[in-house]
Amino acid sequence: MAYVSQSKKKELAPGIKAVLKKYKVKASIAVRNHSTLVVNIKQSEVDLKDEHYQVNEYWIAEHFADNPVAKNFLTELLDAMKGPEYFNNDDAMTDYFSRSHYTDINLGSWNSAYQLIS
């Protein structure tokens, strides 16, 4: 069963913040429903296409193939969000889901658009 606590978030935060600082990105880190680690990107110098967007973590390489900076940033961010103890033993064929926690990367939010800083 996926579970991420506030203490786990605090443990992963330094790695996440290091990636955000490296790419000059302003974002917030949160836990949703005790199962999902969420990073909400508010503004950056990295062109991430849209004002509101939920990044599909399985298709980062394909969706950002034409933008290597964005692809590298999102890949590094996802790796930092997962951390060294991450595991994923999901098997959709047998309807079995077992992972350490879920991850979500959002650009902007419902009330605040993502801002590209040039």
C-alpha atoms as a PDB file:
ATOM      1  CA  MET A   1       0.000   0.000   0.000  1.00  0.00           C
ATOM      2  CA  ALA A   2       1.349   3.379  -0.982  1.00  0.00           C
ATOM      3  CA  TYR A   3       2.110   5.623   1.978  1.00  0.00           C
ATOM      4  CA  VAL A   4       4.107   8.805   2.377  1.00  0.00           C
ATOM      5  CA  SER A   5       4.219  10.646   5.695  1.00  0.00           C
ATOM      6  CA  GLN A   6       5.207  14.190   6.590  1.00  0.00           C
ATOM      7  CA  SER A   7       8.476  12.823   7.999  1.00  0.00           C
ATOM      8  CA  LYS A   8       9.185  11.068   4.687  1.00  0.00           C
ATOM      9  CA  LYS A   9       8.473  14.353   2.884  1.00  0.00           C
ATOM     10  CA  LYS A  10      10.982  16.112   5.160  1.00  0.00           C
ATOM     11  CA  GLU A  11      13.509  13.372   4.378  1.00  0.00           C
ATOM     12  CA  LEU A  12      13.076  13.777   0.596  1.00  0.00           C
ATOM     13  CA  ALA A  13      12.777  17.602   0.624  1.00  0.00           C
ATOM     14  CA  PRO A  14      16.522  18.449   0.594  1.00  0.00           C
ATOM     15  CA  GLY A  15      17.058  16.436  -2.609  1.00  0.00           C
ATOM     16  CA  ILE A  16      13.982  17.953  -4.225  1.00  0.00           C
ATOM     17  CA  LYS A  17      15.002  21.477  -3.199  1.00  0.00           C
ATOM     18  CA  ALA A  18      18.508  20.913  -4.612  1.00  0.00           C
ATOM     19  CA  VAL A  19      17.021  20.096  -8.031  1.00  0.00           C
ATOM     20  CA  LEU A  20      14.679  23.089  -7.844  1.00  0.00           C
ATOM     21  CA  LYS A  21      17.585  25.387  -6.934  1.00  0.00           C
ATOM     22  CA  LYS A  22      19.782  23.982  -9.717  1.00  0.00           C
ATOM     23  CA  TYR A  23      17.171  24.908 -12.342  1.00  0.00           C
ATOM     24  CA  LYS A  24      15.992  28.129 -10.590  1.00  0.00           C
ATOM     25  CA  VAL A  25      12.460  26.857 -10.027  1.00  0.00           C
ATOM     26  CA  LYS A  26       9.993  28.022  -7.372  1.00  0.00           C
ATOM     27  CA  ALA A  27       7.706  25.250  -6.181  1.00  0.00           C
ATOM     28  CA  SER A  28       5.962  23.807  -3.168  1.00  0.00           C
ATOM     29  CA  ILE A  29       6.132  20.263  -1.816  1.00  0.00           C
ATOM     30  CA  ALA A  30       3.070  18.588  -0.299  1.00  0.00           C
ATOM     31  CA  VAL A  31       1.582  15.245   0.674  1.00  0.00           C
ATOM     32  CA  ARG A  32      -1.893  14.361  -0.639  1.00  0.00           C
ATOM     33  CA  ASN A  33      -4.067  11.668   0.943  1.00  0.00           C
ATOM     34  CA  HIS A  34      -1.084  10.118   2.751  1.00  0.00           C
ATOM     35  CA  SER A  35      -0.138   8.336  -0.487  1.00  0.00           C
ATOM     36  CA  THR A  36       1.129  10.929  -2.970  1.00  0.00           C
ATOM     37  CA  LEU A  37       4.126  13.252  -2.865  1.00  0.00           C
ATOM     38  CA  VAL A  38       3.214  16.367  -4.857  1.00  0.00           C
ATOM     39  CA  VAL A  39       5.419  19.133  -6.280  1.00  0.00           C
ATOM     40  CA  ASN A  40       3.531  22.188  -7.540  1.00  0.00           C
ATOM     41  CA  ILE A  41       5.757  24.273  -9.805  1.00  0.00           C
ATOM     42  CA  LYS A  42       4.878  27.967  -9.599  1.00  0.00           C
ATOM     43  CA  GLN A  43       7.534  29.677 -11.725  1.00  0.00           C
ATOM     44  CA  SER A  44      10.859  29.001 -13.415  1.00  0.00           C
ATOM     45  CA  GLU A  45      13.201  29.862 -16.243  1.00  0.00           C
ATOM     46  CA  VAL A  46      12.595  26.425 -17.760  1.00  0.00           C
ATOM     47  CA  ASP A  47       9.993  26.465 -20.555  1.00  0.00           C
ATOM     48  CA  LEU A  48       7.497  23.769 -19.562  1.00  0.00           C
ATOM     49  CA  LYS A  49       4.892  24.477 -22.297  1.00  0.00           C
ATOM     50  CA  ASP A  50       1.634  25.306 -20.494  1.00  0.00           C
ATOM     51  CA  GLU A  51       0.235  27.425 -17.687  1.00  0.00           C
ATOM     52  CA  HIS A  52      -1.672  24.486 -16.167  1.00  0.00           C
ATOM     53  CA  TYR A  53      -0.414  20.977 -16.700  1.00  0.00           C
ATOM     54  CA  GLN A  54      -0.056  17.720 -14.808  1.00  0.00           C
ATOM     55  CA  VAL A  55       3.153  16.047 -15.927  1.00  0.00           C
ATOM     56  CA  ASN A  56       2.789  12.406 -16.928  1.00  0.00           C
ATOM     57  CA  GLU A  57       5.823  10.852 -15.247  1.00  0.00           C
ATOM     58  CA  TYR A  58       5.825   7.891 -17.631  1.00  0.00           C
ATOM     59  CA  TRP A  59       6.143  10.056 -20.766  1.00  0.00           C
ATOM     60  CA  ILE A  60       8.590  12.800 -19.740  1.00  0.00           C
ATOM     61  CA  ALA A  61      11.208  11.757 -22.304  1.00  0.00           C
ATOM     62  CA  GLU A  62       8.677  11.660 -25.143  1.00  0.00           C
ATOM     63  CA  HIS A  63       6.672  14.789 -24.267  1.00  0.00           C
ATOM     64  CA  PHE A  64       9.759  16.939 -23.703  1.00  0.00           C
ATOM     65  CA  ALA A  65      12.035  15.432 -26.375  1.00  0.00           C
ATOM     66  CA  ASP A  66      12.318  18.804 -28.134  1.00  0.00           C
ATOM     67  CA  ASN A  67      13.310  20.570 -24.893  1.00  0.00           C
ATOM     68  CA  PRO A  68      16.320  18.852 -23.280  1.00  0.00           C
ATOM     69  CA  VAL A  69      16.503  21.304 -20.350  1.00  0.00           C
ATOM     70  CA  ALA A  70      12.887  20.618 -19.360  1.00  0.00           C
ATOM     71  CA  LYS A  71      13.357  16.878 -19.875  1.00  0.00           C
ATOM     72  CA  ASN A  72      16.475  16.810 -17.675  1.00  0.00           C
ATOM     73  CA  PHE A  73      14.832  18.958 -14.999  1.00  0.00           C
ATOM     74  CA  LEU A  74      11.685  16.832 -14.774  1.00  0.00           C
ATOM     75  CA  THR A  75      13.653  13.576 -14.823  1.00  0.00           C
ATOM     76  CA  GLU A  76      15.941  14.758 -12.013  1.00  0.00           C
ATOM     77  CA  LEU A  77      12.955  16.080 -10.044  1.00  0.00           C
ATOM     78  CA  LEU A  78      11.109  12.774 -10.366  1.00  0.00           C
ATOM     79  CA  ASP A  79      14.196  10.844  -9.240  1.00  0.00           C
ATOM     80  CA  ALA A  80      14.542  13.126  -6.198  1.00  0.00           C
ATOM     81  CA  MET A  81      10.845  12.696  -5.385  1.00  0.00           C
ATOM     82  CA  LYS A  82      11.156   8.928  -5.470  1.00  0.00           C
ATOM     83  CA  GLY A  83      14.264   8.794  -3.303  1.00  0.00           C
ATOM     84  CA  PRO A  84      16.533   5.818  -2.596  1.00  0.00           C
ATOM     85  CA  GLU A  85      13.867   3.684  -0.878  1.00  0.00           C
ATOM     86  CA  TYR A  86      11.278   3.914  -3.664  1.00  0.00           C
ATOM     87  CA  PHE A  87       9.823   0.672  -4.975  1.00  0.00           C
ATOM     88  CA  ASN A  88       7.100  -0.128  -7.488  1.00  0.00           C
ATOM     89  CA  ASN A  89       5.831  -3.694  -7.722  1.00  0.00           C
ATOM     90  CA  ASP A  90       2.624  -2.833  -9.584  1.00  0.00           C
ATOM     91  CA  ASP A  91       1.124  -5.470 -11.855  1.00  0.00           C
ATOM     92  CA  ALA A  92      -1.914  -4.110 -13.659  1.00  0.00           C
ATOM     93  CA  MET A  93      -2.566  -7.471 -15.348  1.00  0.00           C
ATOM     94  CA  THR A  94      -3.445  -9.035 -12.004  1.00  0.00           C
ATOM     95  CA  ASP A  95      -4.845  -5.823 -10.473  1.00  0.00           C
ATOM     96  CA  TYR A  96      -2.036  -5.738  -7.901  1.00  0.00           C
ATOM     97  CA  PHE A  97      -0.665  -2.375  -6.829  1.00  0.00           C
ATOM     98  CA  SER A  98       2.212  -2.149  -4.377  1.00  0.00           C
ATOM     99  CA  ARG A  99       4.556   0.819  -4.292  1.00  0.00           C
ATOM    100  CA  SER A 100       6.218   2.991  -1.689  1.00  0.00           C
ATOM    101  CA  HIS A 101       4.321   6.139  -2.768  1.00  0.00           C
ATOM    102  CA  TYR A 102       2.842   7.918  -5.756  1.00  0.00           C
ATOM    103  CA  THR A 103       4.304  11.090  -7.291  1.00  0.00           C
ATOM    104  CA  ASP A 104       2.619  14.068  -8.950  1.00  0.00           C
ATOM    105  CA  ILE A 105       4.265  17.037 -10.674  1.00  0.00           C
ATOM    106  CA  ASN A 106       1.923  19.936 -11.444  1.00  0.00           C
ATOM    107  CA  LEU A 107       2.551  23.169 -13.326  1.00  0.00           C
ATOM    108  CA  GLY A 108       0.512  25.903 -11.731  1.00  0.00           C
ATOM    109  CA  SER A 109      -2.667  25.235  -9.811  1.00  0.00           C
ATOM    110  CA  TRP A 110      -6.375  25.827 -10.235  1.00  0.00           C
ATOM    111  CA  ASN A 111      -6.069  29.406  -8.977  1.00  0.00           C
ATOM    112  CA  SER A 112      -2.530  30.328 -10.043  1.00  0.00           C
ATOM    113  CA  ALA A 113      -1.001  29.776 -13.473  1.00  0.00           C
ATOM    114  CA  TYR A 114       2.587  28.631 -14.002  1.00  0.00           C
ATOM    115  CA  GLN A 115       4.826  31.583 -14.846  1.00  0.00           C
ATOM    116  CA  LEU A 116       7.750  31.401 -17.249  1.00  0.00           C
ATOM    117  CA  ILE A 117      10.441  33.874 -16.201  1.00  0.00           C
ATOM    118  CA  SER A 118      12.733  35.052 -18.955  1.00  0.00           C
END
